[in-house]
Amino acid sequence: MSEPTATPTPESTWARPEGASLEEWMNTRVARYATRRYDWDALKFQEQVDPRYRRAQMRYVGTGGTGVSKDSNTVPAGHFTFSTMVIPAGHIGPSHIHVDVEEIFFVMRGKMKLVIEKDGERYETVLNERDLVSVPPGVYREEHNIGDEDALMCVMLGSPRPIAPTYPPDSPLAKIKRNE
């Protein structure tokens, strides 16, 4: 079993490396679209349960909450993570909960139905382009692409290294054990 690694502090991710010029330092803090790629494997374990769960993450700041533990091609996370997510038409982000962080979804393209559940209550809404929702910790959320095209969302989590989400007890995803 490997030793746990210390979670970097914001100060350690912001610190200018010793001997680095301002240009060298700032280049470690720029994430260009041209150097990103969509990671269709980050959530492949979900797709194996239901093909409608297929979607892709493109990471910019930190690794997000998908369970990807490392990505050297991101800006180090200080207080939050930031990525984009492509959700094909008719596909779903399955119901899940983050117990430790707020999660923000900002729809850049497409039309997403959001389902929120907490303590037996259910709330649904449709998010269109440039709509945002902030989901507090401890609340189940799922996202459905109800449009005719791939949806594109920005996703932010309020921690540099959030705890992996969990799923409702009756979900087949709840039985899956992942190596984080």
Protein backbone atom coordinates (compact mmCIF):
# COMPACT_ATOMS: atom_id res chain seq x y z
CA MET A 1 0.00 0.00 0.00
CA SER A 2 1.42 3.39 -0.92
CA GLU A 3 1.90 6.21 1.53
CA PRO A 4 -0.80 8.90 1.35
CA THR A 5 0.38 12.06 -0.29
CA ALA A 6 -0.09 15.38 1.44
CA THR A 7 -2.72 17.62 -0.06
CA PRO A 8 -0.97 20.69 -1.41
CA THR A 9 -1.84 23.92 0.33
CA PRO A 10 -2.99 26.87 -1.77
CA GLU A 11 0.21 28.64 -0.85
CA SER A 12 2.31 25.74 -2.16
CA THR A 13 0.45 25.68 -5.48
CA TRP A 14 0.77 29.45 -5.86
CA ALA A 15 4.42 29.71 -4.87
CA ARG A 16 6.87 30.80 -7.53
CA PRO A 17 9.37 27.98 -7.99
CA GLU A 18 12.81 28.93 -6.80
CA GLY A 19 14.91 30.32 -9.64
CA ALA A 20 11.98 30.56 -12.06
CA SER A 21 11.49 33.72 -14.07
CA LEU A 22 8.07 35.38 -14.01
CA GLU A 23 7.43 34.03 -17.52
CA GLU A 24 8.38 30.47 -16.54
CA TRP A 25 6.20 30.64 -13.44
CA MET A 26 3.17 32.11 -15.23
CA ASN A 27 3.45 29.52 -18.00
CA THR A 28 2.71 26.87 -15.33
CA ARG A 29 -0.50 28.76 -14.55
CA VAL A 30 -1.87 28.95 -18.09
CA ALA A 31 -4.01 26.12 -19.47
CA ARG A 32 -4.56 26.49 -23.19
CA TYR A 33 -7.36 24.78 -25.05
CA ALA A 34 -4.83 23.71 -27.72
CA THR A 35 -3.00 21.58 -25.13
CA ARG A 36 -6.13 19.95 -23.62
CA ARG A 37 -7.86 16.79 -24.73
CA TYR A 38 -11.20 15.32 -23.76
CA ASP A 39 -10.79 12.38 -21.42
CA TRP A 40 -13.52 9.91 -22.34
CA ASP A 41 -11.99 7.36 -19.93
CA ALA A 42 -12.28 9.40 -16.69
CA LEU A 43 -15.85 8.15 -16.16
CA LYS A 44 -15.66 4.95 -18.21
CA PHE A 45 -16.60 2.88 -15.14
CA GLN A 46 -20.00 4.62 -15.25
CA GLU A 47 -20.42 4.03 -18.98
CA GLN A 48 -19.78 0.31 -18.39
CA VAL A 49 -22.87 0.27 -16.13
CA ASP A 50 -25.05 2.26 -18.55
CA PRO A 51 -23.93 3.55 -22.00
CA ARG A 52 -26.01 6.71 -21.44
CA TYR A 53 -23.50 7.72 -18.73
CA ARG A 54 -20.80 8.29 -21.37
CA ARG A 55 -19.31 11.79 -21.18
CA ALA A 56 -15.90 13.41 -21.27
CA GLN A 57 -13.94 15.72 -19.01
CA MET A 58 -11.36 18.32 -20.08
CA ARG A 59 -9.36 19.42 -17.04
CA TYR A 60 -7.95 22.93 -16.56
CA VAL A 61 -7.42 23.46 -12.79
CA GLY A 62 -6.80 20.34 -10.70
CA THR A 63 -8.36 17.00 -11.52
CA GLY A 64 -11.96 17.53 -10.40
CA GLY A 65 -14.12 14.88 -8.77
CA THR A 66 -14.02 12.14 -11.41
CA GLY A 67 -11.46 10.03 -9.59
CA VAL A 68 -8.55 10.97 -11.86
CA SER A 69 -5.74 11.38 -9.34
CA LYS A 70 -3.10 13.04 -11.51
CA ASP A 71 -2.94 15.20 -14.58
CA SER A 72 0.33 17.05 -15.05
CA ASN A 73 -1.26 19.13 -17.80
CA THR A 74 -3.40 21.21 -15.43
CA VAL A 75 -2.90 24.38 -13.44
CA PRO A 76 -2.34 23.35 -9.80
CA ALA A 77 -5.50 23.70 -7.73
CA GLY A 78 -5.44 26.11 -4.78
CA HIS A 79 -9.05 26.32 -3.61
CA PHE A 80 -11.16 24.74 -6.36
CA THR A 81 -11.08 22.62 -9.51
CA PHE A 82 -12.28 23.68 -12.96
CA SER A 83 -13.03 21.53 -15.98
CA THR A 84 -15.36 21.32 -18.93
CA MET A 85 -17.64 18.37 -19.55
CA VAL A 86 -19.12 17.18 -22.83
CA ILE A 87 -22.40 15.32 -22.46
CA PRO A 88 -23.69 13.77 -25.71
CA ALA A 89 -27.36 14.28 -26.63
CA GLY A 90 -29.57 11.93 -24.62
CA HIS A 91 -26.83 11.12 -22.12
CA ILE A 92 -26.90 11.49 -18.32
CA GLY A 93 -24.60 12.42 -15.49
CA PRO A 94 -25.88 9.86 -12.97
CA SER A 95 -27.18 10.81 -9.55
CA HIS A 96 -24.30 11.40 -7.17
CA ILE A 97 -23.43 13.35 -4.05
CA HIS A 98 -20.39 15.29 -2.94
CA VAL A 99 -20.33 15.36 0.85
CA ASP A 100 -17.47 17.84 1.14
CA VAL A 101 -17.87 20.46 -1.59
CA GLU A 102 -20.18 22.73 -3.48
CA GLU A 103 -20.40 21.89 -7.20
CA ILE A 104 -21.15 24.46 -9.87
CA PHE A 105 -22.46 23.67 -13.35
CA PHE A 106 -22.40 26.43 -15.97
CA VAL A 107 -24.00 25.46 -19.29
CA MET A 108 -22.00 26.87 -22.18
CA ARG A 109 -23.89 25.03 -24.94
CA GLY A 110 -27.00 22.87 -24.97
CA LYS A 111 -29.97 22.22 -22.75
CA MET A 112 -29.64 20.26 -19.52
CA LYS A 113 -32.32 19.00 -17.14
CA LEU A 114 -31.04 19.06 -13.58
CA VAL A 115 -32.56 16.79 -10.93
CA ILE A 116 -31.80 17.58 -7.29
CA GLU A 117 -32.80 15.35 -4.35
CA LYS A 118 -32.44 15.83 -0.61
CA ASP A 119 -34.22 14.05 2.25
CA GLY A 120 -37.07 12.75 0.06
CA GLU A 121 -37.69 16.06 -1.69
CA ARG A 122 -37.09 16.42 -5.43
CA TYR A 123 -36.47 19.53 -7.52
CA GLU A 124 -36.13 19.68 -11.31
CA THR A 125 -35.17 22.55 -13.57
CA VAL A 126 -33.88 23.07 -17.09
CA LEU A 127 -30.60 24.90 -17.60
CA ASN A 128 -30.06 26.61 -20.94
CA GLU A 129 -26.96 28.26 -22.36
CA ARG A 130 -25.24 30.54 -19.84
CA ASP A 131 -27.37 29.28 -16.94
CA LEU A 132 -25.63 28.24 -13.73
CA VAL A 133 -26.51 26.20 -10.68
CA SER A 134 -24.59 25.88 -7.42
CA VAL A 135 -25.32 22.56 -5.70
CA PRO A 136 -24.45 22.53 -1.98
CA PRO A 137 -22.60 19.61 -0.38
CA GLY A 138 -24.79 16.75 0.78
CA VAL A 139 -27.35 17.06 -2.02
CA TYR A 140 -27.83 14.47 -4.78
CA ARG A 141 -27.63 15.82 -8.32
CA GLU A 142 -27.96 14.36 -11.82
CA GLU A 143 -27.80 16.02 -15.21
CA HIS A 144 -29.67 14.98 -18.38
CA ASN A 145 -28.82 16.35 -21.81
CA ILE A 146 -32.32 16.90 -23.19
CA GLY A 147 -31.12 18.77 -26.27
CA ASP A 148 -30.38 17.58 -29.79
CA GLU A 149 -26.62 18.27 -29.66
CA ASP A 150 -23.69 17.64 -27.38
CA ALA A 151 -23.93 19.85 -24.31
CA LEU A 152 -20.87 21.62 -22.95
CA MET A 153 -20.68 22.59 -19.29
CA CYS A 154 -18.08 24.18 -17.04
CA VAL A 155 -17.80 22.30 -13.76
CA MET A 156 -16.21 23.70 -10.60
CA LEU A 157 -15.73 21.92 -7.29
CA GLY A 158 -14.95 23.91 -4.15
CA SER A 159 -11.83 22.04 -3.07
CA PRO A 160 -8.44 21.44 -4.67
CA ARG A 161 -8.86 17.69 -4.09
CA PRO A 162 -12.49 16.78 -3.43
CA ILE A 163 -13.54 13.46 -1.95
CA ALA A 164 -14.80 11.14 -4.71
CA PRO A 165 -18.58 11.33 -5.06
CA THR A 166 -20.86 8.55 -3.90
CA TYR A 167 -24.07 7.26 -5.43
CA PRO A 168 -27.54 6.46 -4.09
CA PRO A 169 -27.58 3.09 -2.30
CA ASP A 170 -29.93 1.59 -4.92
CA SER A 171 -27.71 2.63 -7.84
CA PRO A 172 -25.55 -0.05 -9.50
CA LEU A 173 -22.71 2.52 -9.32
CA ALA A 174 -22.82 2.36 -5.50
CA LYS A 175 -21.42 -1.18 -5.62
CA ILE A 176 -18.35 -0.25 -7.65
CA LYS A 177 -15.08 0.07 -5.74
CA ARG A 178 -12.58 2.34 -7.43
CA ASN A 179 -8.90 2.89 -6.87
CA GLU A 180 -8.49 6.60 -6.29
